Protein backbone atom coordinates (compact mmCIF):
# COMPACT_ATOMS: atom_id res chain seq x y z
CA MET A 1 -12.56 15.66 0.45
CA ASN A 2 -8.94 15.93 -0.69
CA LEU A 3 -6.23 14.18 1.35
CA SER A 4 -3.43 15.70 -0.71
CA ARG A 5 -3.09 17.56 -4.01
CA ASN A 6 -3.94 14.47 -6.11
CA PHE A 7 -5.65 12.04 -3.73
CA SER A 8 -9.22 12.06 -2.46
CA LEU A 9 -10.74 10.33 0.52
CA GLN A 10 -13.08 8.47 -1.82
CA GLU A 11 -10.11 6.99 -3.66
CA LEU A 12 -8.65 5.68 -0.40
CA ILE A 13 -11.87 4.13 0.94
CA LYS A 14 -13.39 2.65 -2.23
CA SER A 15 -14.15 -1.05 -1.86
CA ASP A 16 -16.33 -3.15 -4.13
CA THR A 17 -16.54 -5.76 -1.37
CA ALA A 18 -17.79 -3.18 1.15
CA ILE A 19 -20.40 -1.99 -1.33
CA ARG A 20 -21.50 -5.53 -2.23
CA LYS A 21 -21.74 -6.66 1.40
CA GLY A 22 -23.14 -3.40 2.82
CA ILE A 23 -20.10 -2.85 5.06
CA ASN A 24 -19.47 0.66 6.41
CA ASN A 25 -16.00 1.63 5.24
CA ASN A 26 -15.95 5.24 6.41
CA PRO A 27 -12.98 6.29 8.55
CA ASN A 28 -13.32 8.46 11.65
CA SER A 29 -11.59 11.85 11.93
CA GLY A 30 -8.41 10.41 13.43
CA GLN A 31 -8.17 7.86 10.65
CA ILE A 32 -8.72 10.58 8.06
CA GLU A 33 -5.72 12.46 9.53
CA LYS A 34 -3.62 9.30 9.21
CA LEU A 35 -4.74 8.87 5.60
CA LYS A 36 -3.68 12.46 4.92
CA ALA A 37 -0.22 11.68 6.35
CA LEU A 38 0.00 8.53 4.22
CA CYS A 39 -0.87 10.53 1.10
CA GLU A 40 1.49 13.40 1.88
CA ASN A 41 4.46 11.20 2.82
CA ILE A 42 4.08 8.27 0.40
CA LEU A 43 1.44 8.45 -2.32
CA GLN A 44 1.83 12.12 -3.36
CA PRO A 45 5.65 11.92 -3.72
CA VAL A 46 5.24 8.70 -5.77
CA ARG A 47 2.62 10.42 -7.94
CA ASP A 48 4.84 13.49 -8.38
CA HIS A 49 7.71 11.28 -9.57
CA PHE A 50 6.00 8.55 -11.61
CA GLY A 51 2.65 10.01 -12.66
CA ARG A 52 -0.62 8.16 -12.18
CA VAL A 53 -0.89 6.03 -9.03
CA LYS A 54 -3.65 3.43 -8.98
CA VAL A 55 -4.69 2.68 -5.40
CA THR A 56 -6.08 -0.85 -5.26
CA SER A 57 -6.65 -0.92 -1.50
CA GLY A 58 -6.42 1.87 1.02
CA PHE A 59 -8.42 2.17 4.25
CA ARG A 60 -10.31 -0.94 5.30
CA SER A 61 -12.62 -0.91 8.29
CA GLU A 62 -12.18 -3.79 10.75
CA ASP A 63 -15.37 -5.40 9.41
CA LEU A 64 -14.09 -5.12 5.84
CA CYS A 65 -10.76 -6.62 6.84
CA LEU A 66 -12.57 -9.63 8.33
CA ALA A 67 -14.79 -9.94 5.25
CA ILE A 68 -11.79 -10.27 2.95
CA GLY A 69 -9.83 -12.60 5.23
CA SER A 70 -7.43 -10.00 6.56
CA SER A 71 -6.73 -9.09 10.18
CA ARG A 72 -8.48 -6.45 12.32
CA ASN A 73 -4.94 -5.36 13.21
CA SER A 74 -4.00 -4.70 9.58
CA GLN A 75 -2.34 -1.36 8.94
CA HIS A 76 -5.11 -0.82 6.40
CA ALA A 77 -7.59 -0.84 9.29
CA LYS A 78 -5.44 1.68 11.14
CA ALA A 79 -5.42 3.97 8.05
CA GLU A 80 -1.62 3.63 7.81
CA ALA A 81 -1.24 1.62 4.57
CA ALA A 82 -2.20 1.45 0.92
CA ASP A 83 -1.69 -1.05 -1.89
CA PHE A 84 -1.00 0.53 -5.25
CA GLU A 85 0.71 0.44 -8.64
CA CYS A 86 2.02 3.09 -11.02
CA VAL A 87 0.51 2.63 -14.44
CA GLY A 88 3.11 1.64 -17.00
CA VAL A 89 6.01 1.39 -14.52
CA ASP A 90 7.65 -1.83 -13.29
CA ASN A 91 6.58 -2.40 -9.65
CA ALA A 92 10.18 -3.26 -8.66
CA GLU A 93 11.35 0.11 -10.02
CA VAL A 94 8.68 1.94 -8.02
CA ALA A 95 9.52 -0.01 -4.84
CA ASP A 96 13.24 0.67 -5.22
CA TRP A 97 12.57 4.40 -5.74
CA ILE A 98 10.42 4.52 -2.62
CA LYS A 99 13.11 2.76 -0.60
CA MET A 100 15.78 5.20 -1.76
CA ASN A 101 13.76 8.40 -1.51
CA LEU A 102 11.05 8.15 1.17
CA GLU A 103 10.79 7.19 4.82
CA THR A 104 8.48 4.20 5.22
CA ASP A 105 7.33 1.93 7.99
CA GLN A 106 6.79 -1.12 5.83
CA LEU A 107 7.42 -1.48 2.10
CA ILE A 108 6.41 -4.79 0.57
CA LEU A 109 6.66 -5.78 -3.07
CA GLU A 110 3.75 -8.24 -3.06
CA PHE A 111 3.56 -11.21 -5.42
CA TYR A 112 5.97 -9.65 -7.90
CA THR A 113 7.54 -12.00 -10.47
CA PRO A 114 10.93 -10.85 -11.75
CA GLY A 115 10.76 -10.24 -15.50
CA GLU A 116 7.02 -9.52 -15.32
CA PRO A 117 6.82 -5.75 -14.68
CA ASN A 118 3.05 -5.69 -14.25
CA SER A 119 2.96 -8.52 -11.72
CA GLY A 120 2.03 -7.91 -8.11
CA TRP A 121 1.66 -4.59 -6.38
CA ILE A 122 3.24 -2.42 -3.71
CA HIS A 123 2.05 -2.30 -0.08
CA CYS A 124 3.43 0.69 1.77
CA SER A 125 2.72 1.98 5.25
CA TRP A 126 3.67 5.20 7.00
CA ILE A 127 3.59 6.12 10.67
CA PRO A 128 5.02 9.29 12.22
CA GLU A 129 7.30 7.59 14.79
CA GLY A 130 8.91 4.22 15.36
CA ARG A 131 9.13 3.25 11.68
CA ARG A 132 10.42 -0.30 11.17
CA GLU A 133 11.88 0.51 7.75
CA GLN A 134 11.10 -3.03 6.52
CA TYR A 135 11.66 -3.78 2.83
CA MET A 136 10.31 -7.17 1.83
CA HIS A 137 9.12 -9.36 -1.02
CA ALA A 138 5.89 -11.33 -0.43
CA TYR A 139 5.45 -14.52 -2.39
CA LYS A 140 3.56 -17.81 -2.34
CA SER A 141 5.31 -21.02 -1.45
CA GLU A 142 3.46 -24.28 -0.83
CA GLY A 143 0.16 -22.37 -0.73
CA LYS A 144 1.30 -19.98 1.99
CA THR A 145 2.33 -16.33 1.85
CA LYS A 146 5.94 -15.87 2.84
CA TYR A 147 8.03 -12.75 3.32
CA LYS A 148 11.71 -12.30 2.56
CA PRO A 149 13.75 -9.17 3.23
CA ILE A 150 14.99 -7.38 0.11
CA ILE A 151 18.66 -6.73 0.41
CA GLY A 152 19.81 -4.29 -2.24
CA LYS A 153 17.30 -3.58 -5.03
CA ALA A 154 14.03 -5.29 -5.85
CA LYS A 155 14.87 -5.18 -9.53
CA ASP A 156 17.68 -7.63 -8.75
CA LEU A 157 15.28 -10.29 -7.33
CA VAL A 158 15.74 -13.68 -8.86
């Protein structure tokens, strides 16, 4: 099933952990509609601009979220978020383009190291109303994940 011109449902639900642990990672019809909106409003425009988008994590059932140490309340479990990279493009450049050109709920440049264009990935969520428009950098400090707002452009992170 296609969610948009270049994204399939299979691409957004694939999980090696779910396969390995026998976890059902199939969304219901309402979640499929949310995944379509995520693809149409975020992933497809990114693909149209940058080329290939590699989705590393899309929909995660509540059971899958728990199995990987995430929260049942994750936007992945609500079918509102995806983690991805654009092959051959600096993740900060992609994040900055998204911030400047698309409406997002949450845009996080996760575990990106300035000067290392292939480091980290982008987490982006989309909801139809009440978007928080958060733009953050996630990083590890003293063994914990911390979040800091990005003011300006991600490519200027130090």
